[in-house]
Every structure is written in structure tokens, then in C-alpha cells.
Amino acid sequence: MQNSDEFAQLRTKFRKFVFPLTALFLAWYFLYVLLSVFAREFMGTRVVGNVTWGLILGLLQFVSTFVITMVYARWADRVFDPEAEALARRMGEQK
């Protein structure tokens, strides 16, 4: 199964979806870390009351994690899993 063209296409489809999302999240995370280290004045700027940009961007880290998880789960349910299950059935029939 792992040597089949269909499996290779499925693996490529998975990587084309997951790797860019992972890279985007890591870039966003490292931007937050770099801002925390090199833009302390900006991160400490109060926006409303005692709420600073650092707090807002930190909370957005959690939000982005949940959004990426929901996007992946939706994509997997609608696109990837049905194709993987169909491939598994076809491979099972070929035995």
C-alpha cells in the first residue's frame, strides 16, 4: 500500500495542507516571542485599562491554535478521511 501511487498522492495532499498551516503557526509563535524580547515597549503598551498588546497577542496564540485545529478537523472530515477510507477499502479488496 505504501508504495502505491494513490497512497503517495494522498500523502502529498496531506503534506500540502498540514505543512503550510504548521509553518504559519510557527511563524506567528516566533513573532510573538521575538516581539516579547525585542519590542518590550510595544508589548507593554496599554490598549484598554491594564490590558497590553502582549496580553492580547498572547491570548491570540490560544485563539489561533483553536482555529487551526478546527480548520484541520473540518478539512480532514470533508476531504482527507473519505479519500483515505476509500483507498483503504480499495487496497483491502486487492488482497
PDB file of N, CA and C in Angstrom:
ATOM      1  N   MET A   1       0.829  -1.189   0.000  1.00  0.00           N
ATOM      2  CA  MET A   1       0.000   0.000   0.000  1.00  0.00           C
ATOM      3  C   MET A   1       0.876   1.257   0.000  1.00  0.00           C
ATOM      4  N   GLN A   2       1.924   1.265   0.815  1.00  0.00           N
ATOM      5  CA  GLN A   2       2.754   2.462   0.921  1.00  0.00           C
ATOM      6  C   GLN A   2       3.499   2.779  -0.369  1.00  0.00           C
ATOM      7  N   ASN A   3       3.662   1.805  -1.226  1.00  0.00           N
ATOM      8  CA  ASN A   3       4.373   2.016  -2.481  1.00  0.00           C
ATOM      9  C   ASN A   3       3.448   2.387  -3.630  1.00  0.00           C
ATOM     10  N   SER A   4       2.145   2.427  -3.386  1.00  0.00           N
ATOM     11  CA  SER A   4       1.198   2.721  -4.463  1.00  0.00           C
ATOM     12  C   SER A   4       1.179   4.214  -4.783  1.00  0.00           C
ATOM     13  N   ASP A   5       0.837   4.525  -6.033  1.00  0.00           N
ATOM     14  CA  ASP A   5       0.734   5.923  -6.456  1.00  0.00           C
ATOM     15  C   ASP A   5      -0.394   6.639  -5.729  1.00  0.00           C
ATOM     16  N   GLU A   6      -1.498   5.929  -5.488  1.00  0.00           N
ATOM     17  CA  GLU A   6      -2.641   6.541  -4.800  1.00  0.00           C
ATOM     18  C   GLU A   6      -2.262   6.966  -3.383  1.00  0.00           C
ATOM     19  N   PHE A   7      -1.519   6.117  -2.696  1.00  0.00           N
ATOM     20  CA  PHE A   7      -1.086   6.447  -1.338  1.00  0.00           C
ATOM     21  C   PHE A   7      -0.131   7.639  -1.360  1.00  0.00           C
ATOM     22  N   ALA A   8       0.762   7.663  -2.328  1.00  0.00           N
ATOM     23  CA  ALA A   8       1.699   8.787  -2.455  1.00  0.00           C
ATOM     24  C   ALA A   8       0.944  10.087  -2.712  1.00  0.00           C
ATOM     25  N   GLN A   9      -0.096  10.036  -3.532  1.00  0.00           N
ATOM     26  CA  GLN A   9      -0.907  11.230  -3.797  1.00  0.00           C
ATOM     27  C   GLN A   9      -1.630  11.689  -2.536  1.00  0.00           C
ATOM     28  N   LEU A  10      -2.147  10.744  -1.780  1.00  0.00           N
ATOM     29  CA  LEU A  10      -2.837  11.075  -0.533  1.00  0.00           C
ATOM     30  C   LEU A  10      -1.860  11.696   0.472  1.00  0.00           C
ATOM     31  N   ARG A  11      -0.684  11.137   0.566  1.00  0.00           N
ATOM     32  CA  ARG A  11       0.340  11.672   1.466  1.00  0.00           C
ATOM     33  C   ARG A  11       0.747  13.087   1.033  1.00  0.00           C
ATOM     34  N   THR A  12       0.872  13.311  -0.274  1.00  0.00           N
ATOM     35  CA  THR A  12       1.207  14.640  -0.794  1.00  0.00           C
ATOM     36  C   THR A  12       0.108  15.640  -0.476  1.00  0.00           C
ATOM     37  N   LYS A  13      -1.140  15.227  -0.632  1.00  0.00           N
ATOM     38  CA  LYS A  13      -2.268  16.106  -0.318  1.00  0.00           C
ATOM     39  C   LYS A  13      -2.241  16.496   1.161  1.00  0.00           C
ATOM     40  N   PHE A  14      -1.960  15.524   2.014  1.00  0.00           N
ATOM     41  CA  PHE A  14      -1.876  15.783   3.450  1.00  0.00           C
ATOM     42  C   PHE A  14      -0.768  16.796   3.751  1.00  0.00           C
ATOM     43  N   ARG A  15       0.394  16.568   3.178  1.00  0.00           N
ATOM     44  CA  ARG A  15       1.532  17.453   3.437  1.00  0.00           C
ATOM     45  C   ARG A  15       1.287  18.865   2.913  1.00  0.00           C
ATOM     46  N   LYS A  16       0.638  18.979   1.755  1.00  0.00           N
ATOM     47  CA  LYS A  16       0.367  20.304   1.188  1.00  0.00           C
ATOM     48  C   LYS A  16      -0.606  21.095   2.050  1.00  0.00           C
ATOM     49  N   PHE A  17      -1.415  20.410   2.821  1.00  0.00           N
ATOM     50  CA  PHE A  17      -2.341  21.101   3.714  1.00  0.00           C
ATOM     51  C   PHE A  17      -1.705  21.377   5.071  1.00  0.00           C
ATOM     52  N   VAL A  18      -1.062  20.384   5.641  1.00  0.00           N
ATOM     53  CA  VAL A  18      -0.572  20.479   7.014  1.00  0.00           C
ATOM     54  C   VAL A  18       0.704  21.319   7.136  1.00  0.00           C
ATOM     55  N   PHE A  19       1.641  21.159   6.240  1.00  0.00           N
ATOM     56  CA  PHE A  19       2.911  21.873   6.379  1.00  0.00           C
ATOM     57  C   PHE A  19       2.751  23.394   6.324  1.00  0.00           C
ATOM     58  N   PRO A  20       1.983  23.951   5.379  1.00  0.00           N
ATOM     59  CA  PRO A  20       1.808  25.410   5.397  1.00  0.00           C
ATOM     60  C   PRO A  20       1.124  25.909   6.671  1.00  0.00           C
ATOM     61  N   LEU A  21       0.132  25.174   7.167  1.00  0.00           N
ATOM     62  CA  LEU A  21      -0.521  25.577   8.416  1.00  0.00           C
ATOM     63  C   LEU A  21       0.464  25.547   9.580  1.00  0.00           C
ATOM     64  N   THR A  22       1.283  24.531   9.620  1.00  0.00           N
ATOM     65  CA  THR A  22       2.284  24.424  10.681  1.00  0.00           C
ATOM     66  C   THR A  22       3.296  25.560  10.583  1.00  0.00           C
ATOM     67  N   ALA A  23       3.755  25.840   9.370  1.00  0.00           N
ATOM     68  CA  ALA A  23       4.720  26.928   9.174  1.00  0.00           C
ATOM     69  C   ALA A  23       4.109  28.269   9.565  1.00  0.00           C
ATOM     70  N   LEU A  24       2.852  28.481   9.202  1.00  0.00           N
ATOM     71  CA  LEU A  24       2.168  29.725   9.558  1.00  0.00           C
ATOM     72  C   LEU A  24       2.084  29.882  11.070  1.00  0.00           C
ATOM     73  N   PHE A  25       1.689  28.813  11.757  1.00  0.00           N
ATOM     74  CA  PHE A  25       1.576  28.901  13.205  1.00  0.00           C
ATOM     75  C   PHE A  25       2.933  29.133  13.861  1.00  0.00           C
ATOM     76  N   LEU A  26       3.953  28.424  13.406  1.00  0.00           N
ATOM     77  CA  LEU A  26       5.284  28.600  13.998  1.00  0.00           C
ATOM     78  C   LEU A  26       5.816  30.014  13.766  1.00  0.00           C
ATOM     79  N   ALA A  27       5.564  30.558  12.568  1.00  0.00           N
ATOM     80  CA  ALA A  27       5.984  31.937  12.292  1.00  0.00           C
ATOM     81  C   ALA A  27       5.269  32.904  13.229  1.00  0.00           C
ATOM     82  N   TRP A  28       3.976  32.707  13.423  1.00  0.00           N
ATOM     83  CA  TRP A  28       3.186  33.552  14.319  1.00  0.00           C
ATOM     84  C   TRP A  28       3.704  33.425  15.755  1.00  0.00           C
ATOM     85  N   TYR A  29       4.000  32.203  16.177  1.00  0.00           N
ATOM     86  CA  TYR A  29       4.508  31.978  17.530  1.00  0.00           C
ATOM     87  C   TYR A  29       5.861  32.669  17.731  1.00  0.00           C
ATOM     88  N   PHE A  30       6.774  32.476  16.769  1.00  0.00           N
ATOM     89  CA  PHE A  30       8.099  33.082  16.913  1.00  0.00           C
ATOM     90  C   PHE A  30       8.039  34.604  16.812  1.00  0.00           C
ATOM     91  N   LEU A  31       7.094  35.130  16.042  1.00  0.00           N
ATOM     92  CA  LEU A  31       6.896  36.578  16.012  1.00  0.00           C
ATOM     93  C   LEU A  31       6.532  37.076  17.404  1.00  0.00           C
ATOM     94  N   TYR A  32       5.639  36.362  18.067  1.00  0.00           N
ATOM     95  CA  TYR A  32       5.248  36.732  19.429  1.00  0.00           C
ATOM     96  C   TYR A  32       6.459  36.704  20.373  1.00  0.00           C
ATOM     97  N   VAL A  33       7.247  35.650  20.272  1.00  0.00           N
ATOM     98  CA  VAL A  33       8.435  35.535  21.129  1.00  0.00           C
ATOM     99  C   VAL A  33       9.419  36.667  20.829  1.00  0.00           C
ATOM    100  N   LEU A  34       9.663  36.926  19.555  1.00  0.00           N
ATOM    101  CA  LEU A  34      10.601  37.986  19.186  1.00  0.00           C
ATOM    102  C   LEU A  34      10.106  39.357  19.627  1.00  0.00           C
ATOM    103  N   LEU A  35       8.808  39.598  19.480  1.00  0.00           N
ATOM    104  CA  LEU A  35       8.253  40.866  19.960  1.00  0.00           C
ATOM    105  C   LEU A  35       8.422  40.986  21.471  1.00  0.00           C
ATOM    106  N   SER A  36       8.242  39.883  22.165  1.00  0.00           N
ATOM    107  CA  SER A  36       8.396  39.897  23.623  1.00  0.00           C
ATOM    108  C   SER A  36       9.823  40.235  24.041  1.00  0.00           C
ATOM    109  N   VAL A  37      10.779  39.802  23.236  1.00  0.00           N
ATOM    110  CA  VAL A  37      12.186  40.024  23.571  1.00  0.00           C
ATOM    111  C   VAL A  37      12.677  41.392  23.085  1.00  0.00           C
ATOM    112  N   PHE A  38      12.347  41.729  21.836  1.00  0.00           N
ATOM    113  CA  PHE A  38      12.939  42.916  21.220  1.00  0.00           C
ATOM    114  C   PHE A  38      12.021  44.134  21.156  1.00  0.00           C
ATOM    115  N   ALA A  39      10.746  43.966  21.411  1.00  0.00           N
ATOM    116  CA  ALA A  39       9.810  45.096  21.362  1.00  0.00           C
ATOM    117  C   ALA A  39       9.044  45.172  22.680  1.00  0.00           C
ATOM    118  N   ARG A  40       9.792  45.165  23.745  1.00  0.00           N
ATOM    119  CA  ARG A  40       9.174  45.145  25.079  1.00  0.00           C
ATOM    120  C   ARG A  40       8.302  46.367  25.313  1.00  0.00           C
ATOM    121  N   GLU A  41       8.728  47.496  24.795  1.00  0.00           N
ATOM    122  CA  GLU A  41       7.940  48.714  24.986  1.00  0.00           C
ATOM    123  C   GLU A  41       6.579  48.586  24.296  1.00  0.00           C
ATOM    124  N   PHE A  42       6.594  48.076  23.065  1.00  0.00           N
ATOM    125  CA  PHE A  42       5.338  47.861  22.344  1.00  0.00           C
ATOM    126  C   PHE A  42       4.459  46.854  23.076  1.00  0.00           C
ATOM    127  N   MET A  43       5.047  45.739  23.474  1.00  0.00           N
ATOM    128  CA  MET A  43       4.272  44.691  24.143  1.00  0.00           C
ATOM    129  C   MET A  43       3.708  45.167  25.477  1.00  0.00           C
ATOM    130  N   GLY A  44       4.358  46.140  26.083  1.00  0.00           N
ATOM    131  CA  GLY A  44       3.891  46.669  27.356  1.00  0.00           C
ATOM    132  C   GLY A  44       2.942  47.851  27.219  1.00  0.00           C
ATOM    133  N   THR A  45       2.675  48.255  25.978  1.00  0.00           N
ATOM    134  CA  THR A  45       1.775  49.386  25.749  1.00  0.00           C
ATOM    135  C   THR A  45       0.353  48.999  26.126  1.00  0.00           C
ATOM    136  N   ARG A  46      -0.255  49.820  26.950  1.00  0.00           N
ATOM    137  CA  ARG A  46      -1.638  49.558  27.375  1.00  0.00           C
ATOM    138  C   ARG A  46      -2.598  49.930  26.251  1.00  0.00           C
ATOM    139  N   VAL A  47      -3.548  49.043  26.020  1.00  0.00           N
ATOM    140  CA  VAL A  47      -4.552  49.274  24.987  1.00  0.00           C
ATOM    141  C   VAL A  47      -5.834  49.778  25.637  1.00  0.00           C
ATOM    142  N   VAL A  48      -6.319  49.030  26.611  1.00  0.00           N
ATOM    143  CA  VAL A  48      -7.520  49.400  27.364  1.00  0.00           C
ATOM    144  C   VAL A  48      -7.269  49.045  28.825  1.00  0.00           C
ATOM    145  N   GLY A  49      -7.327  50.006  29.688  1.00  0.00           N
ATOM    146  CA  GLY A  49      -7.095  49.728  31.104  1.00  0.00           C
ATOM    147  C   GLY A  49      -5.722  49.126  31.320  1.00  0.00           C
ATOM    148  N   ASN A  50      -5.686  47.967  31.963  1.00  0.00           N
ATOM    149  CA  ASN A  50      -4.422  47.266  32.204  1.00  0.00           C
ATOM    150  C   ASN A  50      -4.104  46.225  31.137  1.00  0.00           C
ATOM    151  N   VAL A  51      -4.870  46.189  30.076  1.00  0.00           N
ATOM    152  CA  VAL A  51      -4.668  45.209  29.001  1.00  0.00           C
ATOM    153  C   VAL A  51      -3.614  45.749  28.033  1.00  0.00           C
ATOM    154  N   THR A  52      -2.548  44.970  27.847  1.00  0.00           N
ATOM    155  CA  THR A  52      -1.445  45.383  26.972  1.00  0.00           C
ATOM    156  C   THR A  52      -1.475  44.592  25.665  1.00  0.00           C
ATOM    157  N   TRP A  53      -0.668  45.074  24.709  1.00  0.00           N
ATOM    158  CA  TRP A  53      -0.543  44.338  23.450  1.00  0.00           C
ATOM    159  C   TRP A  53       0.024  42.942  23.691  1.00  0.00           C
ATOM    160  N   GLY A  54       0.905  42.808  24.636  1.00  0.00           N
ATOM    161  CA  GLY A  54       1.470  41.493  24.952  1.00  0.00           C
ATOM    162  C   GLY A  54       0.406  40.513  25.397  1.00  0.00           C
ATOM    163  N   LEU A  55      -0.509  40.976  26.235  1.00  0.00           N
ATOM    164  CA  LEU A  55      -1.596  40.116  26.694  1.00  0.00           C
ATOM    165  C   LEU A  55      -2.523  39.751  25.542  1.00  0.00           C
ATOM    166  N   ILE A  56      -2.866  40.735  24.726  1.00  0.00           N
ATOM    167  CA  ILE A  56      -3.758  40.478  23.587  1.00  0.00           C
ATOM    168  C   ILE A  56      -3.128  39.471  22.633  1.00  0.00           C
ATOM    169  N   LEU A  57      -1.870  39.701  22.263  1.00  0.00           N
ATOM    170  CA  LEU A  57      -1.204  38.782  21.332  1.00  0.00           C
ATOM    171  C   LEU A  57      -1.005  37.404  21.955  1.00  0.00           C
ATOM    172  N   GLY A  58      -0.760  37.350  23.247  1.00  0.00           N
ATOM    173  CA  GLY A  58      -0.635  36.060  23.934  1.00  0.00           C
ATOM    174  C   GLY A  58      -1.941  35.283  23.907  1.00  0.00           C
ATOM    175  N   LEU A  59      -3.045  35.968  24.163  1.00  0.00           N
ATOM    176  CA  LEU A  59      -4.350  35.298  24.104  1.00  0.00           C
ATOM    177  C   LEU A  59      -4.693  34.875  22.679  1.00  0.00           C
ATOM    178  N   LEU A  60      -4.256  35.672  21.705  1.00  0.00           N
ATOM    179  CA  LEU A  60      -4.492  35.294  20.309  1.00  0.00           C
ATOM    180  C   LEU A  60      -3.725  34.034  19.920  1.00  0.00           C
ATOM    181  N   GLN A  61      -2.662  33.713  20.653  1.00  0.00           N
ATOM    182  CA  GLN A  61      -1.964  32.447  20.419  1.00  0.00           C
ATOM    183  C   GLN A  61      -2.918  31.273  20.663  1.00  0.00           C
ATOM    184  N   PHE A  62      -3.687  31.367  21.748  1.00  0.00           N
ATOM    185  CA  PHE A  62      -4.661  30.312  22.047  1.00  0.00           C
ATOM    186  C   PHE A  62      -5.754  30.272  20.989  1.00  0.00           C
ATOM    187  N   VAL A  63      -6.248  31.437  20.612  1.00  0.00           N
ATOM    188  CA  VAL A  63      -7.305  31.512  19.601  1.00  0.00           C
ATOM    189  C   VAL A  63      -6.825  30.892  18.294  1.00  0.00           C
ATOM    190  N   SER A  64      -5.614  31.245  17.873  1.00  0.00           N
ATOM    191  CA  SER A  64      -5.100  30.705  16.613  1.00  0.00           C
ATOM    192  C   SER A  64      -4.924  29.190  16.687  1.00  0.00           C
ATOM    193  N   THR A  65      -4.555  28.669  17.836  1.00  0.00           N
ATOM    194  CA  THR A  65      -4.431  27.218  17.999  1.00  0.00           C
ATOM    195  C   THR A  65      -5.779  26.540  17.787  1.00  0.00           C
ATOM    196  N   PHE A  66      -6.821  27.082  18.394  1.00  0.00           N
ATOM    197  CA  PHE A  66      -8.154  26.501  18.238  1.00  0.00           C
ATOM    198  C   PHE A  66      -8.658  26.638  16.806  1.00  0.00           C
ATOM    199  N   VAL A  67      -8.401  27.777  16.176  1.00  0.00           N
ATOM    200  CA  VAL A  67      -8.846  27.981  14.792  1.00  0.00           C
ATOM    201  C   VAL A  67      -8.151  26.996  13.859  1.00  0.00           C
ATOM    202  N   ILE A  68      -6.854  26.849  13.998  1.00  0.00           N
ATOM    203  CA  ILE A  68      -6.117  25.910  13.145  1.00  0.00           C
ATOM    204  C   ILE A  68      -6.612  24.486  13.368  1.00  0.00           C
ATOM    205  N   THR A  69      -6.886  24.132  14.611  1.00  0.00           N
ATOM    206  CA  THR A  69      -7.411  22.796  14.909  1.00  0.00           C
ATOM    207  C   THR A  69      -8.763  22.584  14.250  1.00  0.00           C
ATOM    208  N   MET A  70      -9.634  23.585  14.318  1.00  0.00           N
ATOM    209  CA  MET A  70     -10.957  23.459  13.693  1.00  0.00           C
ATOM    210  C   MET A  70     -10.851  23.376  12.175  1.00  0.00           C
ATOM    211  N   VAL A  71      -9.959  24.173  11.583  1.00  0.00           N
ATOM    212  CA  VAL A  71      -9.765  24.138  10.130  1.00  0.00           C
ATOM    213  C   VAL A  71      -9.260  22.764   9.708  1.00  0.00           C
ATOM    214  N   TYR A  72      -8.290  22.233  10.438  1.00  0.00           N
ATOM    215  CA  TYR A  72      -7.764  20.908  10.102  1.00  0.00           C
ATOM    216  C   TYR A  72      -8.833  19.828  10.263  1.00  0.00           C
ATOM    217  N   ALA A  73      -9.569  19.861  11.358  1.00  0.00           N
ATOM    218  CA  ALA A  73     -10.597  18.838  11.597  1.00  0.00           C
ATOM    219  C   ALA A  73     -11.660  18.877  10.506  1.00  0.00           C
ATOM    220  N   ARG A  74     -12.058  20.071  10.119  1.00  0.00           N
ATOM    221  CA  ARG A  74     -13.063  20.202   9.054  1.00  0.00           C
ATOM    222  C   ARG A  74     -12.518  19.657   7.739  1.00  0.00           C
ATOM    223  N   TRP A  75     -11.272  20.017   7.394  1.00  0.00           N
ATOM    224  CA  TRP A  75     -10.660  19.534   6.162  1.00  0.00           C
ATOM    225  C   TRP A  75     -10.519  18.010   6.191  1.00  0.00           C
ATOM    226  N   ALA A  76     -10.068  17.480   7.308  1.00  0.00           N
ATOM    227  CA  ALA A  76      -9.894  16.027   7.417  1.00  0.00           C
ATOM    228  C   ALA A  76     -11.228  15.312   7.268  1.00  0.00           C
ATOM    229  N   ASP A  77     -12.267  15.815   7.921  1.00  0.00           N
ATOM    230  CA  ASP A  77     -13.585  15.179   7.838  1.00  0.00           C
ATOM    231  C   ASP A  77     -14.161  15.226   6.431  1.00  0.00           C
ATOM    232  N   ARG A  78     -13.977  16.327   5.749  1.00  0.00           N
ATOM    233  CA  ARG A  78     -14.615  16.517   4.440  1.00  0.00           C
ATOM    234  C   ARG A  78     -13.782  16.026   3.267  1.00  0.00           C
ATOM    235  N   VAL A  79     -12.468  16.093   3.373  1.00  0.00           N
ATOM    236  CA  VAL A  79     -11.613  15.803   2.222  1.00  0.00           C
ATOM    237  C   VAL A  79     -10.728  14.580   2.459  1.00  0.00           C
ATOM    238  N   PHE A  80      -9.891  14.658   3.470  1.00  0.00           N
ATOM    239  CA  PHE A  80      -8.838  13.656   3.625  1.00  0.00           C
ATOM    240  C   PHE A  80      -9.356  12.289   4.071  1.00  0.00           C
ATOM    241  N   ASP A  81     -10.143  12.255   5.137  1.00  0.00           N
ATOM    242  CA  ASP A  81     -10.609  10.972   5.675  1.00  0.00           C
ATOM    243  C   ASP A  81     -11.425  10.160   4.670  1.00  0.00           C
ATOM    244  N   PRO A  82     -12.372  10.772   3.936  1.00  0.00           N
ATOM    245  CA  PRO A  82     -13.100   9.971   2.945  1.00  0.00           C
ATOM    246  C   PRO A  82     -12.178   9.367   1.882  1.00  0.00           C
ATOM    247  N   GLU A  83     -11.191  10.134   1.452  1.00  0.00           N
ATOM    248  CA  GLU A  83     -10.256   9.604   0.452  1.00  0.00           C
ATOM    249  C   GLU A  83      -9.388   8.497   1.044  1.00  0.00           C
ATOM    250  N   ALA A  84      -8.950   8.665   2.280  1.00  0.00           N
ATOM    251  CA  ALA A  84      -8.132   7.639   2.934  1.00  0.00           C
ATOM    252  C   ALA A  84      -8.939   6.362   3.146  1.00  0.00           C
ATOM    253  N   GLU A  85     -10.193   6.501   3.553  1.00  0.00           N
ATOM    254  CA  GLU A  85     -11.048   5.327   3.756  1.00  0.00           C
ATOM    255  C   GLU A  85     -11.327   4.619   2.437  1.00  0.00           C
ATOM    256  N   ALA A  86     -11.562   5.384   1.373  1.00  0.00           N
ATOM    257  CA  ALA A  86     -11.796   4.779   0.061  1.00  0.00           C
ATOM    258  C   ALA A  86     -10.550   4.030  -0.409  1.00  0.00           C
ATOM    259  N   LEU A  87      -9.395   4.610  -0.188  1.00  0.00           N
ATOM    260  CA  LEU A  87      -8.147   3.945  -0.571  1.00  0.00           C
ATOM    261  C   LEU A  87      -7.950   2.670   0.242  1.00  0.00           C
ATOM    262  N   ALA A  88      -8.235   2.722   1.527  1.00  0.00           N
ATOM    263  CA  ALA A  88      -8.093   1.532   2.374  1.00  0.00           C
ATOM    264  C   ALA A  88      -9.033   0.422   1.902  1.00  0.00           C
ATOM    265  N   ARG A  89     -10.258   0.789   1.520  1.00  0.00           N
ATOM    266  CA  ARG A  89     -11.200  -0.220   1.005  1.00  0.00           C
ATOM    267  C   ARG A  89     -10.683  -0.835  -0.290  1.00  0.00           C
ATOM    268  N   ARG A  90     -10.199   0.026  -1.213  1.00  0.00           N
ATOM    269  CA  ARG A  90      -9.681  -0.487  -2.488  1.00  0.00           C
ATOM    270  C   ARG A  90      -8.482  -1.401  -2.260  1.00  0.00           C
ATOM    271  N   MET A  91      -7.605  -1.018  -1.356  1.00  0.00           N
ATOM    272  CA  MET A  91      -6.426  -1.839  -1.076  1.00  0.00           C
ATOM    273  C   MET A  91      -6.827  -3.156  -0.419  1.00  0.00           C
ATOM    274  N   GLY A  92      -7.851  -3.119   0.421  1.00  0.00           N
ATOM    275  CA  GLY A  92      -8.341  -4.339   1.060  1.00  0.00           C
ATOM    276  C   GLY A  92      -8.950  -5.296   0.054  1.00  0.00           C
ATOM    277  N   GLU A  93      -9.599  -4.745  -0.959  1.00  0.00           N
ATOM    278  CA  GLU A  93     -10.215  -5.575  -1.995  1.00  0.00           C
ATOM    279  C   GLU A  93      -9.176  -6.199  -2.906  1.00  0.00           C
ATOM    280  N   GLN A  94      -8.019  -5.562  -3.035  1.00  0.00           N
ATOM    281  CA  GLN A  94      -6.991  -6.057  -3.948  1.00  0.00           C
ATOM    282  C   GLN A  94      -6.188  -7.209  -3.373  1.00  0.00           C
ATOM    283  N   LYS A  95      -6.299  -7.463  -2.065  1.00  0.00           N
ATOM    284  CA  LYS A  95      -5.509  -8.532  -1.433  1.00  0.00           C
ATOM    285  C   LYS A  95      -5.837  -9.877  -1.974  1.00  0.00           C
TER     286      LYS A  95
END
